[in-house]
Protein backbone atom coordinates (compact mmCIF):
# COMPACT_ATOMS: atom_id res chain seq x y z
CA UNK A 1 -9.06 -11.46 -10.69
CA UNK A 2 -6.83 -12.57 -13.53
CA UNK A 3 -3.04 -12.74 -13.45
CA UNK A 4 -1.26 -10.15 -15.56
CA UNK A 5 2.38 -9.80 -16.59
CA UNK A 6 4.49 -6.89 -15.33
CA UNK A 7 4.79 -5.54 -18.88
CA UNK A 8 0.99 -5.18 -19.00
CA UNK A 9 0.75 -3.13 -15.81
CA UNK A 10 -0.87 0.28 -16.35
CA UNK A 11 1.58 2.71 -14.67
CA UNK A 12 2.15 0.93 -11.30
CA UNK A 13 3.12 4.18 -9.55
CA UNK A 14 -0.42 5.45 -10.09
CA UNK A 15 -1.80 2.51 -8.11
CA UNK A 16 1.02 2.00 -5.61
CA UNK A 17 2.83 5.19 -4.58
CA UNK A 18 6.53 4.51 -4.04
CA UNK A 19 9.02 5.47 -1.39
CA UNK A 20 6.96 4.86 1.78
CA UNK A 21 7.56 2.39 4.62
CA UNK A 22 4.93 -0.26 5.19
CA UNK A 23 2.74 -2.41 2.95
CA UNK A 24 3.34 -0.56 -0.32
CA UNK A 25 6.87 -2.03 -0.32
CA UNK A 26 5.21 -5.34 -1.27
CA UNK A 27 4.23 -4.00 -4.70
CA UNK A 28 7.68 -2.48 -5.20
CA UNK A 29 9.30 -5.79 -4.23
CA UNK A 30 7.21 -7.76 -6.74
CA UNK A 31 7.99 -5.26 -9.47
CA UNK A 32 11.75 -5.01 -8.88
CA UNK A 33 12.63 -8.60 -7.91
CA UNK A 34 10.10 -10.61 -9.93
CA UNK A 35 9.08 -12.58 -6.83
CA UNK A 36 5.29 -12.54 -6.59
CA UNK A 37 2.34 -12.03 -8.91
CA UNK A 38 0.16 -9.25 -10.30
CA UNK A 39 -3.64 -9.43 -10.53
CA UNK A 40 -6.34 -7.27 -12.10
CA UNK A 41 -10.10 -7.48 -12.47
CA UNK A 42 -9.76 -7.24 -16.26
CA UNK A 43 -6.85 -7.04 -18.75
CA UNK A 44 -7.72 -3.66 -20.27
CA UNK A 45 -8.39 -0.53 -18.20
CA UNK A 46 -8.59 -2.43 -14.90
CA UNK A 47 -10.51 -0.96 -11.99
CA UNK A 48 -8.71 -3.04 -9.38
CA UNK A 49 -5.07 -4.21 -9.20
CA UNK A 50 -3.34 -6.39 -6.59
CA UNK A 51 0.26 -7.38 -5.94
CA UNK A 52 0.79 -10.64 -4.03
CA UNK A 53 3.92 -12.15 -2.51
CA UNK A 54 4.59 -14.61 0.33
CA UNK A 55 0.95 -14.69 1.38
CA UNK A 56 0.66 -10.89 1.53
CA UNK A 57 -1.49 -8.83 -0.84
CA UNK A 58 -1.71 -5.10 -1.53
CA UNK A 59 -5.07 -4.34 -3.12
CA UNK A 60 -5.91 -0.99 -4.70
CA UNK A 61 -8.51 0.55 -7.01
CA UNK A 62 -12.27 1.07 -7.10
CA UNK A 63 -14.21 -2.02 -5.98
CA UNK A 64 -17.74 -0.73 -6.69
CA UNK A 65 -18.45 -3.03 -9.65
CA UNK A 66 -16.62 -6.12 -8.34
CA UNK A 67 -18.50 -9.40 -8.22
CA UNK A 68 -17.58 -11.32 -5.02
CA UNK A 69 -16.08 -14.24 -6.93
CA UNK A 70 -13.63 -11.87 -8.64
CA UNK A 71 -11.44 -11.78 -5.51
CA UNK A 72 -11.26 -15.59 -5.12
CA UNK A 73 -7.58 -15.85 -6.28
CA UNK A 74 -6.58 -13.82 -3.20
CA UNK A 75 -7.94 -16.45 -0.77
CA UNK A 76 -5.96 -17.40 2.35
CA UNK A 77 -3.87 -14.23 2.30
CA UNK A 78 -3.23 -11.16 4.40
CA UNK A 79 -4.70 -8.26 2.50
CA UNK A 80 -3.84 -4.58 2.82
CA UNK A 81 -6.67 -2.57 1.29
CA UNK A 82 -8.52 0.71 1.84
CA UNK A 83 -11.72 0.51 3.88
CA UNK A 84 -13.83 0.84 0.73
CA UNK A 85 -12.86 -2.77 -0.09
CA UNK A 86 -14.26 -4.24 3.14
CA UNK A 87 -17.78 -5.01 1.84
CA UNK A 88 -16.31 -6.75 -1.21
CA UNK A 89 -13.81 -8.72 0.89
CA UNK A 90 -16.48 -9.82 3.34
CA UNK A 91 -18.74 -10.94 0.52
CA UNK A 92 -15.92 -12.83 -1.17
CA UNK A 93 -14.46 -14.85 1.73
CA UNK A 94 -15.68 -17.08 4.54
CA UNK A 95 -13.42 -15.33 7.04
CA UNK A 96 -12.26 -11.71 7.34
CA UNK A 97 -10.13 -11.03 10.42
CA UNK A 98 -8.54 -7.62 11.04
CA UNK A 99 -4.98 -7.61 12.43
CA UNK A 100 -3.61 -4.42 13.90
CA UNK A 101 -0.12 -3.70 12.62
CA UNK A 102 2.72 -1.25 13.27
CA UNK A 103 5.33 0.25 10.95
CA UNK A 104 8.67 1.37 12.35
CA UNK A 105 11.71 3.03 10.78
CA UNK A 106 15.33 3.07 11.89
CA UNK A 107 15.94 6.30 13.82
CA UNK A 108 18.43 5.51 16.60
CA UNK A 109 21.62 3.58 17.27
CA UNK A 110 21.08 -0.08 18.20
CA UNK A 111 22.07 -1.42 21.57
CA UNK A 112 25.24 -3.55 21.43
CA UNK A 113 24.85 -7.30 20.98
CA UNK A 114 27.54 -9.46 22.59
CA UNK A 115 27.97 -12.74 20.73
CA UNK A 116 29.54 -16.03 21.80
CA UNK A 117 33.01 -16.54 20.33
CA UNK A 118 31.71 -19.60 18.47
CA UNK A 119 29.22 -17.54 16.43
CA UNK A 120 29.89 -15.41 13.35
CA UNK A 121 27.45 -12.92 11.81
CA UNK A 122 27.85 -12.72 8.02
CA UNK A 123 25.95 -12.37 4.77
CA UNK A 124 24.31 -15.54 3.49
CA UNK A 125 25.81 -17.08 0.35
CA UNK A 126 24.82 -19.74 -2.17
CA UNK A 127 26.67 -22.38 -0.15
CA UNK A 128 24.26 -21.71 2.75
CA UNK A 129 21.22 -22.92 0.78
CA UNK A 130 21.08 -26.30 2.49
CA UNK A 131 21.47 -24.70 5.94
CA UNK A 132 18.48 -22.48 5.14
CA UNK A 133 16.54 -25.60 4.07
CA UNK A 134 17.25 -27.13 7.49
CA UNK A 135 15.36 -24.27 9.17
CA UNK A 136 12.11 -25.36 7.52
CA UNK A 137 9.24 -25.93 7.96
CA UNK A 138 9.00 -23.51 10.90
CA UNK A 139 10.94 -20.79 9.07
CA UNK A 140 9.65 -21.42 5.55
CA UNK A 141 7.87 -18.04 5.62
CA UNK A 142 11.23 -16.25 5.89
CA UNK A 143 12.43 -17.22 2.41
CA UNK A 144 8.99 -17.10 0.77
CA UNK A 145 9.40 -13.52 -0.47
CA UNK A 146 12.61 -14.58 -2.28
CA UNK A 147 11.21 -17.70 -3.90
CA UNK A 148 12.57 -20.20 -1.36
CA UNK A 149 15.80 -21.04 0.48
CA UNK A 150 18.10 -20.68 -2.52
CA UNK A 151 16.61 -17.31 -3.42
CA UNK A 152 17.20 -16.09 0.13
CA UNK A 153 20.76 -17.46 0.22
CA UNK A 154 21.90 -15.98 -3.10
CA UNK A 155 19.86 -12.76 -3.02
CA UNK A 156 22.43 -10.77 -1.03
CA UNK A 157 19.78 -9.41 1.33
CA UNK A 158 20.17 -11.74 4.33
CA UNK A 159 22.57 -11.83 7.28
CA UNK A 160 22.87 -14.80 9.62
CA UNK A 161 24.42 -15.83 12.90
CA UNK A 162 26.29 -19.02 12.01
CA UNK A 163 27.97 -21.53 14.32
CA UNK A 164 31.40 -23.06 13.66
CA UNK A 165 29.66 -26.15 12.26
CA UNK A 166 27.79 -24.04 9.71
CA UNK A 167 24.44 -24.22 11.48
CA UNK A 168 22.31 -21.11 11.02
CA UNK A 169 21.13 -19.90 14.44
CA UNK A 170 19.38 -16.67 13.41
CA UNK A 171 18.64 -14.83 10.18
CA UNK A 172 17.62 -11.25 9.42
CA UNK A 173 16.68 -10.39 5.86
CA UNK A 174 15.06 -7.79 3.70
CA UNK A 175 11.59 -9.30 3.40
CA UNK A 176 10.19 -6.74 0.96
CA UNK A 177 12.57 -4.47 -0.93
CA UNK A 178 11.07 -1.11 -1.88
CA UNK A 179 12.63 1.69 -3.89
CA UNK A 180 13.45 3.61 -0.72
CA UNK A 181 12.62 1.38 2.26
CA UNK A 182 13.52 -2.25 2.87
CA UNK A 183 11.23 -4.04 5.31
CA UNK A 184 13.12 -6.31 7.71
CA UNK A 185 12.20 -9.80 8.93
CA UNK A 186 14.04 -11.98 11.44
CA UNK A 187 13.98 -15.56 12.69
CA UNK A 188 15.92 -17.30 15.49
CA UNK A 189 15.98 -21.06 16.09
CA UNK A 190 14.04 -21.88 19.28
CA UNK A 191 17.01 -23.13 21.32
CA UNK A 192 19.06 -19.97 20.75
CA UNK A 193 16.53 -17.27 21.48
CA UNK A 194 17.30 -14.59 24.08
CA UNK A 195 21.01 -14.79 23.19
CA UNK A 196 21.05 -11.46 21.26
CA UNK A 197 21.63 -13.27 17.96
CA UNK A 198 18.62 -11.67 16.27
CA UNK A 199 19.76 -8.20 17.36
CA UNK A 200 23.24 -8.81 15.94
CA UNK A 201 21.79 -9.98 12.61
CA UNK A 202 19.35 -7.07 12.36
CA UNK A 203 22.12 -4.59 13.16
CA UNK A 204 24.36 -6.00 10.39
CA UNK A 205 21.48 -6.08 7.91
CA UNK A 206 20.50 -2.48 8.68
CA UNK A 207 24.08 -1.31 8.12
CA UNK A 208 24.02 -3.12 4.77
CA UNK A 209 20.68 -1.55 3.79
CA UNK A 210 21.96 1.91 4.70
CA UNK A 211 25.17 1.34 2.73
CA UNK A 212 23.19 0.76 -0.47
CA UNK A 213 21.30 4.01 0.01
CA UNK A 214 18.04 2.59 1.36
CA UNK A 215 16.28 2.95 4.71
CA UNK A 216 15.37 0.02 7.01
CA UNK A 217 11.75 -0.39 8.09
CA UNK A 218 10.01 -2.89 10.36
CA UNK A 219 6.43 -4.19 10.35
CA UNK A 220 4.90 -6.28 13.12
CA UNK A 221 1.71 -7.09 14.95
CA UNK A 222 0.59 -4.76 17.73
CA UNK A 223 0.18 -7.89 19.85
CA UNK A 224 3.77 -9.14 19.45
CA UNK A 225 5.67 -7.82 22.43
CA UNK A 226 8.82 -9.70 21.36
CA UNK A 227 8.83 -8.04 17.93
CA UNK A 228 8.20 -4.60 19.40
CA UNK A 229 11.02 -5.03 21.93
CA UNK A 230 13.49 -6.21 19.29
CA UNK A 231 12.57 -3.34 16.99
CA UNK A 232 13.14 -0.78 19.75
CA UNK A 233 16.42 -2.38 20.81
CA UNK A 234 17.65 -2.34 17.21
CA UNK A 235 16.96 1.40 16.92
CA UNK A 236 13.56 1.39 15.21
CA UNK A 237 10.84 3.82 16.26
CA UNK A 238 7.11 3.71 15.55
CA UNK A 239 5.83 5.88 12.69
CA UNK A 240 2.49 4.40 11.67
CA UNK A 241 -0.25 1.98 12.66
CA UNK A 242 -2.59 0.26 10.23
CA UNK A 243 -4.82 -2.79 9.81
CA UNK A 244 -4.59 -5.61 7.32
CA UNK A 245 -7.06 -8.45 6.91
CA UNK A 246 -6.59 -12.20 7.01
CA UNK A 247 -9.01 -13.71 4.53
CA UNK A 248 -10.06 -17.35 4.35
CA UNK A 249 -11.55 -19.53 1.64
CA UNK A 250 -13.85 -18.10 -1.03
CA UNK A 251 -17.52 -17.98 -0.08
CA UNK A 252 -19.69 -20.73 -1.52
CA UNK A 253 -21.98 -18.79 -3.77
CA UNK A 254 -25.21 -20.66 -2.94
CA UNK A 255 -25.58 -18.89 0.42
CA UNK A 256 -26.99 -15.36 0.89
CA UNK A 257 -24.41 -12.58 1.12
CA UNK A 258 -24.12 -10.81 4.47
CA UNK A 259 -23.38 -7.18 5.09
CA UNK A 260 -19.88 -6.55 6.38
CA UNK A 261 -19.36 -6.52 10.11
CA UNK A 262 -15.95 -6.09 11.72
CA UNK A 263 -14.54 -9.36 13.03
CA UNK A 264 -12.91 -9.68 16.41
CA UNK A 265 -9.25 -8.84 16.12
CA UNK A 266 -7.04 -11.91 16.03
CA UNK A 267 -3.46 -12.30 17.04
CA UNK A 268 -0.93 -12.81 14.31
CA UNK A 269 1.59 -15.62 14.70
CA UNK A 270 5.12 -14.36 15.15
């Protein structure tokens, strides 16, 4: 795959239908925010196109003529692709692990979240950049889709539970912003979990998403009970299940290629 500029994309809506909850919001996010990269198998009349952001990839097209090494730039990612890509992915990477996923949309009122008097839930601002930095490295994934802590702080798409000292205790943000749906992500510092801070942040974020005319969505692993419980408590309901694939390093090309066989499902870190 070679990297291409957004201006060279051949009608993105043909490859990535818009307005749906779930993985296609990744492509919309890359296109509208500029965070992420575009890939194609060739610069003119491509057969395969991919959008990548924050370690996630949406891969679409016709893989029939792909050489295995073509997909090497997508190594060490989580790839959403139709089943027709599985032989090519298995030939291209040392590891191919399916992860079962769930997509939820906001359909009900959230349960109330009672906060300590010392905590305020508010939108993140530029002055919070250093406080977001302090959350790393454990929470570095949270700001990755916005280009890092400053991007998350100034982007206007994140709400946080903040102590009187300015410490961020929990954050909920739009992780991928689509044209209709905004996919939500949340993080709580380990010593303040089970205090309803995440629920309060998600509730405020969802109200903000709705106010700008979009719909909140939620994606998580089937195996994450904590994520599923928080989604339900915040008013999300399940609409779709799918599988994406964690791929490893590119295959060393001096070994014989194997036919694709499904790998044992792994559990995604939460």
